[in-house]
Amino acid sequence: MLQIRSFATSVLSLFFLAAPISALSQAAPSNRTPVLVELFTSEGCSSCPPADALLAKLDHDQPIQNAEIIVLGEHVDYWDNLGWHDRFSSHQYTERQNQYSARLGVDGVYTPQMIVDGTDQFVGNDSSHAHRSIASAAQKAKLNLSLSRPVVDARKISASVSLPASSVSSSRVELYAALVDPTDITDVRNGENGGRRLQHVGVVRNLQRIGSLKDLAAGPLSFSLNAPGDANVVNMRVVVFAQLNDQGTVLGAVVIDVKP
């Protein structure tokens, strides 16, 4: 397990929105409450494959009865100079992990790290902790976000996100959209995982802030994401989530396949 100290420090109040509880939904359309599970991982880290396998099991089995588990695999770049360059890595995800570490009081960053709904962090292969954390998160009311059917134009994927008219509106809540590979496989040739075939799920290929919750007061918010050149566009997923400023609590999430 590699640890790198974070240089950022911040204190964030987990103040929830001053809004009527009627503005929130306790269940997704599937009668499950969406829970966002982020895994910070790397193909260069020998401790990460068990965490990748746990993320895949959570995604496939959906083992928490009342939770719709939405997974994001975010590959950090600080392993890339240690023998193997992870083709999915991005410094953007390293910075996102740094911000979480500062806010959650973690002494530096490490892989694998799992974070549930922006509030609970733990070693990414800890199955028992993951189940407890997801079950707890699924008990909380969430914003009832919905997504339109994505439209594909070459490598650009467009959609819109909306909320019921009675829902809360706040500029303190940011909206993010992610373009995700449901599954990927890499034959690693060098580094700590040299000679291994690694399997990933929910690999984030593009993550963008698309606005704030306040923007939805006027109606659906349209956005577009560009897929990388090596992605199989029609097999991708779009994930949109609402998160308190400064990477606070995730207040809602929704996922849709690009291909109907």
Foldseek 3Di string as FASTA:
>chain_A
DDFDFFPDADEDDQDDDPADPVQWALAAPVQAAEKEKEWEAAPQDPLAQLLQVLLLCCQPVVPQPRYNYDYAYAYAQPSCVQKHGGPLHDPVSVVVQSLLCNHQVNGGDDPGWMDMQLHDIDHRNPNVVVNVVRNVVSRDTAFHKDKDQWDDDPQKIKIWIAGPLRHDADQQKWKKKFKFQQKDWDQACIHPQHRDIGMGGNYTRDMDTQGARNVRNVHIGMDMDGGDPVDPRQAIKMKMWIAGPSSHGIRGMDMDGNHD
